[in-house]
Amino acid sequence: MEHAKQKSAAETVERVNVMADSDVERPEVVDDNETLNSEIEGAITEPGKVLRIGSMVKQLLDEVRQAPLDEASRERLAEIYERSVIELSEALSPDLQEELKMIALPFDGNGIPSEAELRVAQAQLVGWLEGLFHGIQAALFAQQVAATQQFEQMRQLPSNGVSPGNQNGTYL
């Protein structure tokens, strides 16, 4: 009788091991973080540069709104704006470069832009940059949520690899 109990217990353990290998559905660990990081890093090759230029353009927009500009200052601001667009473009991926090129149109070559033209151009650039930053923040948030979900799925797995509903005890 003792031999039969040992044999039955051994069969149960073997059955549990087979179930652990075949029937248990384990969450797939996908490294979306790596993919998302490479997408974010690929979109902006020099994030520090983009942030510095964005801050500068925003500050210049505030200045343009507050003080009247003479011809020399409007000319200087137009040069800074155009140089900022070029510098930003160099720090972006090709698809974002194309988008920036479509958004940030150059001033017409018929002289110095008016204060209103400068305000509109700079406000448009600041708005585009803010949208870019919000997109990056949203991507980082999505990355964090995905990582948290993966962690929770892994925490819910039993340590022996058997799902709680399929455990067969070795007690007779």
N, C-alpha and C. Protein backbone atom coordinates (compact mmCIF):
# COMPACT_ATOMS: atom_id res chain seq x y z
N MET A 1 0.82 -1.19 0.00
CA MET A 1 0.00 0.00 0.00
C MET A 1 0.87 1.26 0.00
N GLU A 2 1.93 1.24 0.80
CA GLU A 2 2.85 2.38 0.86
C GLU A 2 3.46 2.63 -0.50
N HIS A 3 3.82 1.57 -1.22
CA HIS A 3 4.40 1.70 -2.56
C HIS A 3 3.41 2.35 -3.53
N ALA A 4 2.13 2.01 -3.41
CA ALA A 4 1.10 2.59 -4.27
C ALA A 4 0.95 4.08 -4.01
N LYS A 5 1.03 4.50 -2.73
CA LYS A 5 0.93 5.92 -2.39
C LYS A 5 2.11 6.69 -2.97
N GLN A 6 3.31 6.12 -2.87
CA GLN A 6 4.50 6.78 -3.40
C GLN A 6 4.40 6.91 -4.92
N LYS A 7 3.91 5.83 -5.56
CA LYS A 7 3.77 5.85 -7.00
C LYS A 7 2.74 6.90 -7.42
N SER A 8 1.61 6.97 -6.70
CA SER A 8 0.57 7.95 -7.00
C SER A 8 1.10 9.37 -6.80
N ALA A 9 1.84 9.60 -5.75
CA ALA A 9 2.42 10.92 -5.49
C ALA A 9 3.41 11.29 -6.58
N ALA A 10 4.22 10.34 -7.02
CA ALA A 10 5.19 10.60 -8.09
C ALA A 10 4.48 10.94 -9.39
N GLU A 11 3.38 10.22 -9.68
CA GLU A 11 2.61 10.51 -10.89
C GLU A 11 1.99 11.91 -10.82
N THR A 12 1.52 12.29 -9.65
CA THR A 12 0.93 13.62 -9.48
C THR A 12 1.97 14.70 -9.70
N VAL A 13 3.15 14.53 -9.13
CA VAL A 13 4.23 15.51 -9.31
C VAL A 13 4.60 15.60 -10.78
N GLU A 14 4.68 14.43 -11.45
CA GLU A 14 5.02 14.43 -12.87
C GLU A 14 3.94 15.15 -13.68
N ARG A 15 2.67 14.92 -13.34
CA ARG A 15 1.57 15.57 -14.04
C ARG A 15 1.63 17.09 -13.83
N VAL A 16 1.95 17.52 -12.63
CA VAL A 16 2.07 18.95 -12.34
C VAL A 16 3.22 19.54 -13.15
N ASN A 17 4.33 18.85 -13.24
CA ASN A 17 5.46 19.35 -14.01
C ASN A 17 5.12 19.47 -15.49
N VAL A 18 4.39 18.49 -16.03
CA VAL A 18 3.98 18.54 -17.43
C VAL A 18 3.04 19.72 -17.64
N MET A 19 2.11 19.90 -16.71
CA MET A 19 1.19 21.03 -16.82
C MET A 19 1.95 22.35 -16.73
N ALA A 20 2.92 22.40 -15.87
CA ALA A 20 3.70 23.64 -15.73
C ALA A 20 4.40 23.98 -17.03
N ASP A 21 4.82 22.96 -17.75
CA ASP A 21 5.54 23.21 -18.99
C ASP A 21 4.61 23.52 -20.16
N SER A 22 3.39 22.96 -20.15
CA SER A 22 2.57 23.10 -21.35
C SER A 22 1.31 23.94 -21.17
N ASP A 23 0.62 23.82 -20.05
CA ASP A 23 -0.69 24.44 -19.91
C ASP A 23 -0.66 25.86 -19.35
N VAL A 24 0.39 26.20 -18.68
CA VAL A 24 0.44 27.50 -18.03
C VAL A 24 0.78 28.57 -19.05
N GLU A 25 -0.05 29.58 -19.07
CA GLU A 25 0.18 30.68 -20.00
C GLU A 25 1.02 31.73 -19.28
N ARG A 26 2.19 31.94 -19.76
CA ARG A 26 3.08 32.94 -19.16
C ARG A 26 3.01 34.22 -19.98
N PRO A 27 3.01 35.38 -19.30
CA PRO A 27 3.00 36.62 -20.07
C PRO A 27 4.29 36.77 -20.84
N GLU A 28 4.14 37.25 -22.04
CA GLU A 28 5.32 37.46 -22.87
C GLU A 28 5.97 38.76 -22.46
N VAL A 29 7.25 38.70 -22.18
CA VAL A 29 7.97 39.91 -21.80
C VAL A 29 8.54 40.50 -23.07
N VAL A 30 7.94 41.61 -23.46
CA VAL A 30 8.35 42.30 -24.67
C VAL A 30 9.08 43.56 -24.25
N ASP A 31 10.19 43.80 -24.86
CA ASP A 31 10.96 44.97 -24.48
C ASP A 31 10.52 46.18 -25.29
N ASP A 32 9.27 46.62 -25.02
CA ASP A 32 8.75 47.82 -25.68
C ASP A 32 9.54 49.05 -25.26
N ASN A 33 10.09 49.01 -24.05
CA ASN A 33 10.86 50.16 -23.57
C ASN A 33 12.02 50.44 -24.50
N GLU A 34 12.69 49.38 -24.93
CA GLU A 34 13.84 49.56 -25.82
C GLU A 34 13.39 50.13 -27.16
N THR A 35 12.29 49.61 -27.68
CA THR A 35 11.76 50.11 -28.95
C THR A 35 11.34 51.56 -28.82
N LEU A 36 10.61 51.87 -27.75
CA LEU A 36 10.14 53.23 -27.55
C LEU A 36 11.31 54.17 -27.32
N ASN A 37 12.29 53.74 -26.54
CA ASN A 37 13.47 54.58 -26.32
C ASN A 37 14.17 54.88 -27.63
N SER A 38 14.31 53.88 -28.49
CA SER A 38 15.00 54.12 -29.76
C SER A 38 14.17 55.04 -30.65
N GLU A 39 12.83 54.94 -30.59
CA GLU A 39 11.99 55.85 -31.36
C GLU A 39 12.14 57.29 -30.86
N ILE A 40 12.13 57.45 -29.55
CA ILE A 40 12.27 58.78 -28.98
C ILE A 40 13.65 59.34 -29.28
N GLU A 41 14.68 58.52 -29.06
CA GLU A 41 16.04 58.98 -29.33
C GLU A 41 16.24 59.23 -30.82
N GLY A 42 15.59 58.45 -31.66
CA GLY A 42 15.71 58.64 -33.10
C GLY A 42 15.01 59.90 -33.58
N ALA A 43 13.95 60.30 -32.89
CA ALA A 43 13.20 61.49 -33.29
C ALA A 43 13.99 62.76 -33.00
N ILE A 44 14.69 62.77 -31.90
CA ILE A 44 15.48 63.94 -31.52
C ILE A 44 16.89 63.46 -31.20
N THR A 45 17.81 63.82 -32.06
CA THR A 45 19.19 63.36 -31.88
C THR A 45 19.94 64.14 -30.82
N GLU A 46 19.53 65.39 -30.60
CA GLU A 46 20.18 66.23 -29.59
C GLU A 46 19.12 66.92 -28.74
N PRO A 47 18.57 66.21 -27.75
CA PRO A 47 17.47 66.77 -26.96
C PRO A 47 17.85 68.05 -26.21
N GLY A 48 19.06 68.11 -25.70
CA GLY A 48 19.48 69.32 -24.98
C GLY A 48 19.47 70.54 -25.88
N LYS A 49 19.91 70.37 -27.09
CA LYS A 49 19.94 71.47 -28.06
C LYS A 49 18.51 71.92 -28.37
N VAL A 50 17.62 70.98 -28.56
CA VAL A 50 16.22 71.32 -28.86
C VAL A 50 15.60 72.08 -27.69
N LEU A 51 15.87 71.63 -26.47
CA LEU A 51 15.33 72.32 -25.30
C LEU A 51 15.89 73.73 -25.17
N ARG A 52 17.18 73.89 -25.39
CA ARG A 52 17.79 75.23 -25.29
C ARG A 52 17.21 76.18 -26.34
N ILE A 53 17.12 75.71 -27.57
CA ILE A 53 16.59 76.57 -28.64
C ILE A 53 15.11 76.87 -28.38
N GLY A 54 14.37 75.87 -27.93
CA GLY A 54 12.96 76.09 -27.62
C GLY A 54 12.77 77.14 -26.53
N SER A 55 13.58 77.07 -25.49
CA SER A 55 13.51 78.07 -24.42
C SER A 55 13.87 79.45 -24.93
N MET A 56 14.89 79.52 -25.77
CA MET A 56 15.32 80.80 -26.32
C MET A 56 14.21 81.42 -27.19
N VAL A 57 13.62 80.62 -28.06
CA VAL A 57 12.57 81.12 -28.95
C VAL A 57 11.37 81.60 -28.14
N LYS A 58 11.03 80.85 -27.10
CA LYS A 58 9.91 81.26 -26.24
C LYS A 58 10.21 82.59 -25.56
N GLN A 59 11.43 82.74 -25.07
CA GLN A 59 11.82 84.00 -24.43
C GLN A 59 11.79 85.15 -25.43
N LEU A 60 12.27 84.90 -26.63
CA LEU A 60 12.24 85.94 -27.67
C LEU A 60 10.81 86.34 -28.01
N LEU A 61 9.91 85.36 -28.05
CA LEU A 61 8.50 85.66 -28.32
C LEU A 61 7.94 86.58 -27.23
N ASP A 62 8.28 86.30 -25.98
CA ASP A 62 7.84 87.17 -24.89
C ASP A 62 8.38 88.59 -25.07
N GLU A 63 9.63 88.69 -25.49
CA GLU A 63 10.23 90.02 -25.71
C GLU A 63 9.52 90.76 -26.85
N VAL A 64 9.23 90.06 -27.92
CA VAL A 64 8.56 90.68 -29.07
C VAL A 64 7.17 91.19 -28.67
N ARG A 65 6.51 90.48 -27.79
CA ARG A 65 5.17 90.88 -27.35
C ARG A 65 5.22 92.11 -26.44
N GLN A 66 6.30 92.26 -25.68
CA GLN A 66 6.34 93.30 -24.65
C GLN A 66 6.87 94.65 -25.13
N ALA A 67 7.77 94.65 -26.06
CA ALA A 67 8.42 95.91 -26.42
C ALA A 67 8.28 96.19 -27.91
N PRO A 68 8.13 97.46 -28.26
CA PRO A 68 8.12 97.79 -29.69
C PRO A 68 9.53 97.60 -30.27
N LEU A 69 9.58 97.16 -31.50
CA LEU A 69 10.87 96.85 -32.12
C LEU A 69 11.17 97.82 -33.26
N ASP A 70 12.40 98.28 -33.29
CA ASP A 70 12.81 99.11 -34.42
C ASP A 70 13.25 98.21 -35.56
N GLU A 71 13.64 98.79 -36.65
CA GLU A 71 14.00 98.03 -37.85
C GLU A 71 15.19 97.09 -37.60
N ALA A 72 16.21 97.57 -36.92
CA ALA A 72 17.40 96.76 -36.66
C ALA A 72 17.08 95.56 -35.77
N SER A 73 16.25 95.76 -34.75
CA SER A 73 15.90 94.63 -33.87
C SER A 73 15.02 93.62 -34.59
N ARG A 74 14.12 94.08 -35.47
CA ARG A 74 13.30 93.15 -36.25
C ARG A 74 14.17 92.33 -37.19
N GLU A 75 15.16 92.98 -37.79
CA GLU A 75 16.08 92.27 -38.69
C GLU A 75 16.87 91.21 -37.91
N ARG A 76 17.35 91.61 -36.73
CA ARG A 76 18.12 90.67 -35.90
C ARG A 76 17.24 89.50 -35.46
N LEU A 77 16.03 89.75 -35.04
CA LEU A 77 15.12 88.68 -34.62
C LEU A 77 14.78 87.74 -35.78
N ALA A 78 14.64 88.28 -36.97
CA ALA A 78 14.38 87.44 -38.15
C ALA A 78 15.57 86.51 -38.39
N GLU A 79 16.78 87.03 -38.25
CA GLU A 79 17.99 86.20 -38.42
C GLU A 79 18.05 85.11 -37.35
N ILE A 80 17.76 85.49 -36.11
CA ILE A 80 17.78 84.52 -35.01
C ILE A 80 16.73 83.43 -35.25
N TYR A 81 15.55 83.83 -35.69
CA TYR A 81 14.48 82.87 -35.98
C TYR A 81 14.93 81.87 -37.05
N GLU A 82 15.44 82.38 -38.15
CA GLU A 82 15.85 81.50 -39.25
C GLU A 82 17.00 80.59 -38.82
N ARG A 83 17.95 81.12 -38.06
CA ARG A 83 19.06 80.29 -37.57
C ARG A 83 18.55 79.23 -36.59
N SER A 84 17.59 79.60 -35.77
CA SER A 84 17.00 78.65 -34.81
C SER A 84 16.34 77.49 -35.53
N VAL A 85 15.63 77.79 -36.60
CA VAL A 85 14.97 76.73 -37.38
C VAL A 85 16.01 75.79 -37.98
N ILE A 86 17.10 76.34 -38.49
CA ILE A 86 18.17 75.51 -39.07
C ILE A 86 18.79 74.63 -37.99
N GLU A 87 19.11 75.21 -36.84
CA GLU A 87 19.72 74.46 -35.74
C GLU A 87 18.77 73.37 -35.23
N LEU A 88 17.51 73.70 -35.08
CA LEU A 88 16.52 72.70 -34.66
C LEU A 88 16.45 71.55 -35.65
N SER A 89 16.43 71.88 -36.90
CA SER A 89 16.33 70.87 -37.95
C SER A 89 17.48 69.87 -37.87
N GLU A 90 18.66 70.37 -37.56
CA GLU A 90 19.83 69.48 -37.46
C GLU A 90 19.73 68.51 -36.30
N ALA A 91 18.92 68.82 -35.30
CA ALA A 91 18.80 67.98 -34.12
C ALA A 91 17.60 67.04 -34.18
N LEU A 92 16.91 67.00 -35.33
CA LEU A 92 15.69 66.21 -35.46
C LEU A 92 15.85 65.09 -36.48
N SER A 93 14.96 64.11 -36.38
CA SER A 93 14.91 63.03 -37.36
C SER A 93 14.42 63.59 -38.70
N PRO A 94 14.65 62.86 -39.80
CA PRO A 94 14.22 63.35 -41.11
C PRO A 94 12.73 63.67 -41.21
N ASP A 95 11.87 62.85 -40.60
CA ASP A 95 10.43 63.13 -40.69
C ASP A 95 10.06 64.39 -39.91
N LEU A 96 10.70 64.62 -38.76
CA LEU A 96 10.44 65.85 -38.02
C LEU A 96 11.07 67.06 -38.72
N GLN A 97 12.18 66.85 -39.38
CA GLN A 97 12.78 67.94 -40.17
C GLN A 97 11.81 68.40 -41.25
N GLU A 98 11.19 67.43 -41.91
CA GLU A 98 10.23 67.75 -42.98
C GLU A 98 9.02 68.50 -42.41
N GLU A 99 8.55 68.03 -41.27
CA GLU A 99 7.41 68.69 -40.63
C GLU A 99 7.77 70.13 -40.23
N LEU A 100 8.95 70.31 -39.65
CA LEU A 100 9.40 71.65 -39.27
C LEU A 100 9.54 72.55 -40.49
N LYS A 101 10.05 71.99 -41.56
CA LYS A 101 10.23 72.76 -42.80
C LYS A 101 8.88 73.27 -43.32
N MET A 102 7.85 72.44 -43.21
CA MET A 102 6.52 72.83 -43.67
C MET A 102 5.89 73.88 -42.75
N ILE A 103 6.18 73.80 -41.47
CA ILE A 103 5.59 74.70 -40.48
C ILE A 103 6.30 76.05 -40.46
N ALA A 104 7.61 76.02 -40.40
CA ALA A 104 8.41 77.23 -40.21
C ALA A 104 8.84 77.79 -41.57
N LEU A 105 7.93 78.44 -42.21
CA LEU A 105 8.23 79.02 -43.52
C LEU A 105 9.14 80.23 -43.37
N PRO A 106 10.05 80.41 -44.30
CA PRO A 106 10.95 81.58 -44.21
C PRO A 106 10.18 82.87 -44.50
N PHE A 107 10.71 83.97 -44.01
CA PHE A 107 10.12 85.27 -44.30
C PHE A 107 10.36 85.58 -45.78
N ASP A 108 9.47 86.38 -46.38
CA ASP A 108 9.72 86.73 -47.79
C ASP A 108 10.93 87.64 -47.86
N GLY A 109 11.60 87.55 -48.95
CA GLY A 109 12.84 88.30 -49.14
C GLY A 109 12.62 89.77 -49.46
N ASN A 110 11.42 90.27 -49.27
CA ASN A 110 11.10 91.66 -49.61
C ASN A 110 11.41 92.63 -48.46
N GLY A 111 12.43 92.36 -47.72
CA GLY A 111 12.79 93.28 -46.65
C GLY A 111 12.63 92.67 -45.28
N ILE A 112 12.60 93.54 -44.32
CA ILE A 112 12.55 93.13 -42.91
C ILE A 112 11.10 92.83 -42.52
N PRO A 113 10.88 91.71 -41.80
CA PRO A 113 9.51 91.38 -41.41
C PRO A 113 8.97 92.38 -40.37
N SER A 114 7.67 92.50 -40.35
CA SER A 114 7.03 93.38 -39.37
C SER A 114 7.01 92.69 -38.01
N GLU A 115 6.67 93.46 -36.98
CA GLU A 115 6.55 92.88 -35.63
C GLU A 115 5.50 91.77 -35.63
N ALA A 116 4.41 92.00 -36.31
CA ALA A 116 3.34 91.00 -36.36
C ALA A 116 3.82 89.72 -37.02
N GLU A 117 4.57 89.83 -38.11
CA GLU A 117 5.10 88.63 -38.78
C GLU A 117 6.05 87.88 -37.85
N LEU A 118 6.89 88.61 -37.14
CA LEU A 118 7.81 87.97 -36.20
C LEU A 118 7.05 87.26 -35.08
N ARG A 119 6.03 87.93 -34.54
CA ARG A 119 5.24 87.32 -33.46
C ARG A 119 4.56 86.04 -33.93
N VAL A 120 3.96 86.10 -35.11
CA VAL A 120 3.26 84.92 -35.63
C VAL A 120 4.24 83.78 -35.88
N ALA A 121 5.36 84.07 -36.51
CA ALA A 121 6.35 83.03 -36.81
C ALA A 121 6.90 82.40 -35.54
N GLN A 122 7.24 83.24 -34.57
CA GLN A 122 7.80 82.70 -33.33
C GLN A 122 6.74 81.95 -32.52
N ALA A 123 5.53 82.46 -32.48
CA ALA A 123 4.46 81.76 -31.77
C ALA A 123 4.18 80.40 -32.40
N GLN A 124 4.23 80.35 -33.71
CA GLN A 124 4.02 79.08 -34.41
C GLN A 124 5.13 78.09 -34.07
N LEU A 125 6.36 78.55 -34.06
CA LEU A 125 7.49 77.69 -33.73
C LEU A 125 7.41 77.22 -32.28
N VAL A 126 7.08 78.12 -31.37
CA VAL A 126 6.93 77.75 -29.96
C VAL A 126 5.82 76.71 -29.81
N GLY A 127 4.71 76.92 -30.48
CA GLY A 127 3.60 75.96 -30.42
C GLY A 127 4.00 74.60 -30.95
N TRP A 128 4.74 74.58 -32.05
CA TRP A 128 5.19 73.31 -32.62
C TRP A 128 6.13 72.60 -31.65
N LEU A 129 7.04 73.34 -31.05
CA LEU A 129 7.97 72.74 -30.09
C LEU A 129 7.23 72.20 -28.86
N GLU A 130 6.25 72.94 -28.38
CA GLU A 130 5.46 72.46 -27.25
C GLU A 130 4.73 71.17 -27.61
N GLY A 131 4.20 71.11 -28.82
CA GLY A 131 3.56 69.87 -29.28
C GLY A 131 4.55 68.72 -29.34
N LEU A 132 5.75 69.00 -29.79
CA LEU A 132 6.80 67.98 -29.84
C LEU A 132 7.12 67.48 -28.43
N PHE A 133 7.26 68.40 -27.49
CA PHE A 133 7.57 68.02 -26.10
C PHE A 133 6.42 67.22 -25.49
N HIS A 134 5.18 67.61 -25.78
CA HIS A 134 4.04 66.86 -25.26
C HIS A 134 4.00 65.45 -25.85
N GLY A 135 4.34 65.33 -27.12
CA GLY A 135 4.40 64.01 -27.74
C GLY A 135 5.44 63.12 -27.09
N ILE A 136 6.58 63.69 -26.76
CA ILE A 136 7.63 62.93 -26.09
C ILE A 136 7.17 62.53 -24.69
N GLN A 137 6.54 63.45 -23.97
CA GLN A 137 6.03 63.13 -22.64
C GLN A 137 4.99 62.02 -22.70
N ALA A 138 4.11 62.07 -23.69
CA ALA A 138 3.09 61.03 -23.84
C ALA A 138 3.74 59.68 -24.13
N ALA A 139 4.75 59.68 -24.98
CA ALA A 139 5.45 58.43 -25.29
C ALA A 139 6.15 57.87 -24.06
N LEU A 140 6.76 58.74 -23.27
CA LEU A 140 7.42 58.28 -22.04
C LEU A 140 6.40 57.76 -21.03
N PHE A 141 5.25 58.41 -20.95
CA PHE A 141 4.20 57.94 -20.05
C PHE A 141 3.70 56.56 -20.49
N ALA A 142 3.48 56.40 -21.79
CA ALA A 142 3.03 55.10 -22.31
C ALA A 142 4.08 54.03 -22.02
N GLN A 143 5.33 54.38 -22.14
CA GLN A 143 6.42 53.45 -21.85
C GLN A 143 6.38 53.05 -20.37
N GLN A 144 6.15 54.00 -19.50
CA GLN A 144 6.10 53.72 -18.07
C GLN A 144 4.91 52.82 -17.74
N VAL A 145 3.76 53.08 -18.34
CA VAL A 145 2.57 52.26 -18.11
C VAL A 145 2.81 50.83 -18.58
N ALA A 146 3.41 50.67 -19.75
CA ALA A 146 3.69 49.33 -20.28
C ALA A 146 4.65 48.59 -19.37
N ALA A 147 5.66 49.26 -18.87
CA ALA A 147 6.63 48.62 -17.97
C ALA A 147 5.95 48.22 -16.67
N THR A 148 5.07 49.05 -16.16
CA THR A 148 4.34 48.73 -14.93
C THR A 148 3.45 47.52 -15.13
N GLN A 149 2.76 47.47 -16.27
CA GLN A 149 1.89 46.33 -16.56
C GLN A 149 2.69 45.04 -16.67
N GLN A 150 3.83 45.09 -17.34
CA GLN A 150 4.67 43.90 -17.46
C GLN A 150 5.15 43.45 -16.09
N PHE A 151 5.53 44.40 -15.26
CA PHE A 151 6.00 44.06 -13.92
C PHE A 151 4.89 43.40 -13.12
N GLU A 152 3.67 43.95 -13.19
CA GLU A 152 2.54 43.37 -12.47
C GLU A 152 2.23 41.96 -12.97
N GLN A 153 2.31 41.73 -14.27
CA GLN A 153 2.07 40.39 -14.82
C GLN A 153 3.11 39.42 -14.29
N MET A 154 4.34 39.85 -14.25
CA MET A 154 5.41 38.97 -13.76
C MET A 154 5.25 38.70 -12.27
N ARG A 155 4.80 39.67 -11.51
CA ARG A 155 4.60 39.49 -10.07
C ARG A 155 3.49 38.51 -9.78
N GLN A 156 2.49 38.44 -10.66
CA GLN A 156 1.35 37.57 -10.43
C GLN A 156 1.65 36.12 -10.75
N LEU A 157 2.74 35.85 -11.44
CA LEU A 157 3.11 34.47 -11.72
C LEU A 157 3.59 33.80 -10.44
N PRO A 158 3.15 32.57 -10.19
CA PRO A 158 3.68 31.86 -9.03
C PRO A 158 5.16 31.54 -9.26
N SER A 159 5.87 31.44 -8.18
CA SER A 159 7.31 31.23 -8.31
C SER A 159 7.67 29.86 -8.89
N ASN A 160 6.79 28.85 -8.74
CA ASN A 160 7.12 27.53 -9.27
C ASN A 160 6.66 27.34 -10.71
N GLY A 161 6.02 28.36 -11.29
CA GLY A 161 5.63 28.28 -12.70
C GLY A 161 4.28 27.65 -12.94
N VAL A 162 3.53 27.26 -11.87
CA VAL A 162 2.21 26.66 -12.02
C VAL A 162 1.17 27.71 -11.71
N SER A 163 0.19 27.83 -12.57
CA SER A 163 -0.85 28.82 -12.32
C SER A 163 -1.71 28.36 -11.15
N PRO A 164 -2.24 29.27 -10.33
CA PRO A 164 -2.97 28.90 -9.13
C PRO A 164 -4.18 28.02 -9.40
N GLY A 165 -4.89 28.17 -10.49
CA GLY A 165 -6.07 27.38 -10.78
C GLY A 165 -5.76 25.95 -11.19
N ASN A 166 -4.56 25.66 -11.60
CA ASN A 166 -4.21 24.33 -12.10
C ASN A 166 -3.35 23.54 -11.14
N GLN A 167 -3.19 23.99 -9.90
CA GLN A 167 -2.33 23.27 -8.98
C GLN A 167 -3.02 22.00 -8.50
N ASN A 168 -2.34 20.93 -8.58
CA ASN A 168 -2.81 19.67 -8.01
C ASN A 168 -1.94 19.38 -6.81
N GLY A 169 -2.55 19.23 -5.68
CA GLY A 169 -1.80 18.96 -4.46
C GLY A 169 -1.26 17.55 -4.45
N THR A 170 -0.25 17.35 -3.67
CA THR A 170 0.32 16.00 -3.55
C THR A 170 -0.31 15.26 -2.38
N TYR A 171 -1.27 15.89 -1.73
CA TYR A 171 -1.96 15.22 -0.63
C TYR A 171 -2.99 14.26 -1.18
N LEU A 172 -3.14 13.16 -0.51
CA LEU A 172 -4.10 12.15 -0.97
C LEU A 172 -5.34 12.13 -0.15
